[in-house]
Amino acid sequence: MRRIVLALHKNYALLLSSLYGIGLAFFSMWLFNLGERFENLLYLIFAGFLLGPALGITHLLLTASVGVLVSRFFRIRMHFANVLGVAAYATVPVILSVVFLLPIELMTFGLFMFAENPSPFVIKPFPYLVFMILDGLTVLWSIGLLMIGIRTIGNLKILRAVFIVIIILSVSLFVLFELLRWIV
């Protein structure tokens, strides 16, 4: 993690945030049950890959901005580029989930993965639970990486890093999903 913080050029942040955004787009479609608004799965996949990069870049820029503001409030010195780099690196587990789990989820449930009627849980309960647990574990892994990164950047104790990450994610996800709800 220290190598990421000390790196002068954080070129990977744009690529990682774009890939992360694809996962965030499909999560948003699942959360808002948007499967019923698409004629077929191909259109939904196209929308996820089209909107995902913009969504990911927006969320990570928002996360880094909130991180810098929160750190200034607590009188901790964190630079925007460092927080952005660490936040981008922390999305790698979600990207792995997009690459390995999402295709299997789409093949198993199709458009029903993003629909409310019928729910994918009704169609195939056991695979749905397995996928939800695996997706949840990748999100927890990402949050853990973000906590380690924030702790490294700010040279913080673990509880303070946990508290700051909770604030950062709460504010950035609230703003992002309010914007999405307003758009949808």
Protein backbone atom coordinates (compact mmCIF):
# COMPACT_ATOMS: atom_id res chain seq x y z
CA MET A 1 0.00 0.00 0.00
CA ARG A 2 2.89 2.34 0.75
CA ARG A 3 4.15 1.96 -2.84
CA ILE A 4 0.79 3.20 -4.13
CA VAL A 5 0.86 6.22 -1.86
CA LEU A 6 4.45 7.08 -2.80
CA ALA A 7 3.97 6.63 -6.55
CA LEU A 8 4.26 9.95 -8.34
CA HIS A 9 2.05 9.07 -11.28
CA LYS A 10 -1.23 7.42 -10.51
CA ASN A 11 -2.08 6.56 -14.13
CA TYR A 12 -3.95 3.43 -13.15
CA ALA A 13 -6.64 5.40 -11.30
CA LEU A 14 -8.60 6.26 -14.46
CA LEU A 15 -8.54 2.71 -15.81
CA LEU A 16 -9.44 1.10 -12.49
CA SER A 17 -12.23 3.58 -11.80
CA SER A 18 -13.69 2.95 -15.27
CA LEU A 19 -13.67 -0.82 -14.73
CA TYR A 20 -15.07 -0.38 -11.22
CA GLY A 21 -17.85 1.76 -12.69
CA ILE A 22 -19.08 -1.16 -14.77
CA GLY A 23 -19.66 -3.11 -11.56
CA LEU A 24 -21.25 -0.07 -9.97
CA ALA A 25 -23.57 0.34 -12.97
CA PHE A 26 -24.76 -3.26 -12.77
CA PHE A 27 -25.17 -2.95 -8.99
CA SER A 28 -27.29 0.17 -9.53
CA MET A 29 -29.41 -1.65 -12.10
CA TRP A 30 -29.91 -4.47 -9.59
CA LEU A 31 -30.65 -2.04 -6.75
CA PHE A 32 -33.21 -0.04 -8.71
CA ASN A 33 -34.70 -3.17 -10.41
CA LEU A 34 -34.08 -1.76 -13.88
CA GLY A 35 -34.31 -5.14 -15.60
CA GLU A 36 -37.97 -4.53 -16.33
CA ARG A 37 -37.15 -1.38 -18.31
CA PHE A 38 -35.02 -3.20 -20.89
CA GLU A 39 -36.35 -5.31 -23.76
CA ASN A 40 -33.54 -7.84 -23.57
CA LEU A 41 -30.31 -8.58 -21.75
CA LEU A 42 -28.10 -7.27 -24.55
CA TYR A 43 -29.44 -3.72 -24.11
CA LEU A 44 -28.88 -3.91 -20.36
CA ILE A 45 -25.29 -5.11 -20.82
CA PHE A 46 -24.68 -2.34 -23.37
CA ALA A 47 -26.05 0.27 -20.94
CA GLY A 48 -23.86 -1.09 -18.13
CA PHE A 49 -20.70 -0.91 -20.21
CA LEU A 50 -21.62 2.48 -21.65
CA LEU A 51 -22.57 4.22 -18.39
CA GLY A 52 -20.18 2.33 -16.11
CA PRO A 53 -16.94 4.20 -16.77
CA ALA A 54 -18.54 7.61 -16.20
CA LEU A 55 -20.20 6.31 -13.04
CA GLY A 56 -16.96 4.85 -11.69
CA ILE A 57 -14.87 7.92 -12.42
CA THR A 58 -17.53 10.14 -10.84
CA HIS A 59 -17.74 7.97 -7.72
CA LEU A 60 -13.98 7.77 -7.18
CA LEU A 61 -13.52 11.51 -7.74
CA LEU A 62 -16.32 12.10 -5.26
CA THR A 63 -14.76 9.61 -2.81
CA ALA A 64 -11.35 11.28 -3.05
CA SER A 65 -12.87 14.74 -2.64
CA VAL A 66 -14.87 13.70 0.42
CA GLY A 67 -11.76 11.97 1.78
CA VAL A 68 -9.70 15.14 1.52
CA LEU A 69 -12.46 17.25 3.09
CA VAL A 70 -12.91 14.80 5.97
CA SER A 71 -9.17 14.64 6.54
CA ARG A 72 -8.95 18.43 6.66
CA PHE A 73 -11.80 18.50 9.17
CA PHE A 74 -9.86 16.11 11.41
CA ARG A 75 -6.57 17.98 10.73
CA ILE A 76 -4.99 15.05 8.92
CA ARG A 77 -2.79 15.73 5.93
CA MET A 78 -3.96 13.80 2.88
CA HIS A 79 -3.48 14.76 -0.75
CA PHE A 80 -6.19 14.29 -3.35
CA ALA A 81 -3.97 12.23 -5.68
CA ASN A 82 -3.03 9.84 -2.87
CA VAL A 83 -6.63 9.31 -1.78
CA LEU A 84 -7.67 8.82 -5.41
CA GLY A 85 -4.89 6.28 -5.99
CA VAL A 86 -5.74 4.30 -2.89
CA ALA A 87 -9.48 4.41 -3.63
CA ALA A 88 -8.82 3.18 -7.19
CA TYR A 89 -6.60 0.37 -5.94
CA ALA A 90 -9.24 -0.61 -3.37
CA THR A 91 -11.72 -1.29 -6.19
CA VAL A 92 -9.69 -4.23 -7.54
CA PRO A 93 -11.82 -6.89 -5.74
CA VAL A 94 -14.98 -5.40 -7.26
CA ILE A 95 -13.30 -5.43 -10.69
CA LEU A 96 -12.43 -9.10 -10.17
CA SER A 97 -16.08 -9.71 -9.33
CA VAL A 98 -17.13 -7.98 -12.55
CA VAL A 99 -14.72 -10.09 -14.59
CA PHE A 100 -15.39 -13.48 -12.99
CA LEU A 101 -18.79 -13.42 -11.22
CA LEU A 102 -20.93 -11.05 -13.30
CA PRO A 103 -20.80 -13.16 -16.50
CA ILE A 104 -21.86 -16.25 -14.54
CA GLU A 105 -24.65 -14.27 -12.85
CA LEU A 106 -25.87 -13.02 -16.22
CA MET A 107 -25.76 -16.54 -17.71
CA THR A 108 -27.60 -17.98 -14.70
CA PHE A 109 -30.36 -15.40 -14.29
CA GLY A 110 -30.32 -13.24 -17.40
CA LEU A 111 -32.53 -10.20 -17.26
CA PHE A 112 -34.25 -11.57 -14.14
CA MET A 113 -31.11 -10.72 -12.12
CA PHE A 114 -32.20 -7.09 -12.36
CA ALA A 115 -35.96 -7.60 -12.07
CA GLU A 116 -38.32 -7.64 -9.15
CA ASN A 117 -41.00 -9.85 -10.63
CA PRO A 118 -39.95 -12.66 -10.53
CA SER A 119 -37.03 -12.22 -8.21
CA PRO A 120 -33.86 -14.18 -8.98
CA PHE A 121 -34.20 -15.63 -5.48
CA VAL A 122 -37.51 -17.22 -6.50
CA ILE A 123 -36.03 -18.64 -9.70
CA LYS A 124 -32.87 -20.22 -8.22
CA PRO A 125 -32.46 -19.51 -4.49
CA PHE A 126 -29.20 -21.33 -3.78
CA PRO A 127 -27.13 -19.86 -6.66
CA TYR A 128 -28.56 -16.42 -5.93
CA LEU A 129 -27.49 -16.62 -2.27
CA VAL A 130 -24.02 -17.85 -3.25
CA PHE A 131 -23.59 -14.96 -5.71
CA MET A 132 -24.84 -12.40 -3.19
CA ILE A 133 -22.44 -13.71 -0.53
CA LEU A 134 -19.50 -13.66 -2.95
CA ASP A 135 -20.38 -10.15 -4.16
CA GLY A 136 -20.73 -9.00 -0.55
CA LEU A 137 -17.33 -10.46 0.32
CA THR A 138 -15.68 -8.59 -2.56
CA VAL A 139 -17.24 -5.34 -1.35
CA LEU A 140 -15.98 -6.00 2.20
CA TRP A 141 -12.54 -6.77 0.78
CA SER A 142 -12.57 -3.44 -1.07
CA ILE A 143 -13.61 -1.57 2.07
CA GLY A 144 -10.81 -3.28 3.97
CA LEU A 145 -8.28 -2.22 1.33
CA LEU A 146 -9.59 1.34 1.50
CA MET A 147 -9.19 1.34 5.29
CA ILE A 148 -5.62 0.08 5.01
CA GLY A 149 -4.87 2.72 2.39
CA ILE A 150 -6.39 5.60 4.37
CA ARG A 151 -4.53 4.38 7.44
CA THR A 152 -1.27 4.38 5.47
CA ILE A 153 -1.82 7.82 3.91
CA GLY A 154 -2.73 9.52 7.16
CA ASN A 155 -0.49 7.41 9.42
CA LEU A 156 -3.60 6.73 11.52
CA LYS A 157 -4.63 4.23 14.15
CA ILE A 158 -7.02 1.58 12.91
CA LEU A 159 -10.15 2.87 14.66
CA ARG A 160 -9.66 6.37 13.33
CA ALA A 161 -9.13 5.00 9.82
CA VAL A 162 -12.33 2.92 10.14
CA PHE A 163 -14.27 5.99 11.28
CA ILE A 164 -12.95 8.11 8.41
CA VAL A 165 -13.70 5.42 5.81
CA ILE A 166 -17.26 5.06 7.14
CA ILE A 167 -17.78 8.80 6.74
CA ILE A 168 -16.17 8.86 3.27
CA LEU A 169 -18.23 5.97 1.93
CA SER A 170 -21.47 7.08 3.56
CA VAL A 171 -21.30 10.56 2.08
CA SER A 172 -20.00 9.58 -1.37
CA LEU A 173 -22.44 6.69 -1.86
CA PHE A 174 -25.37 8.77 -0.56
CA VAL A 175 -24.62 11.56 -3.02
CA LEU A 176 -24.05 9.13 -5.90
CA PHE A 177 -27.23 7.14 -5.34
CA GLU A 178 -29.31 10.28 -4.82
CA LEU A 179 -28.04 11.52 -8.19
CA LEU A 180 -28.85 8.15 -9.77
CA ARG A 181 -32.31 8.07 -8.21
CA TRP A 182 -32.93 11.55 -9.55
CA ILE A 183 -31.80 10.49 -13.04
CA VAL A 184 -33.73 7.20 -13.04
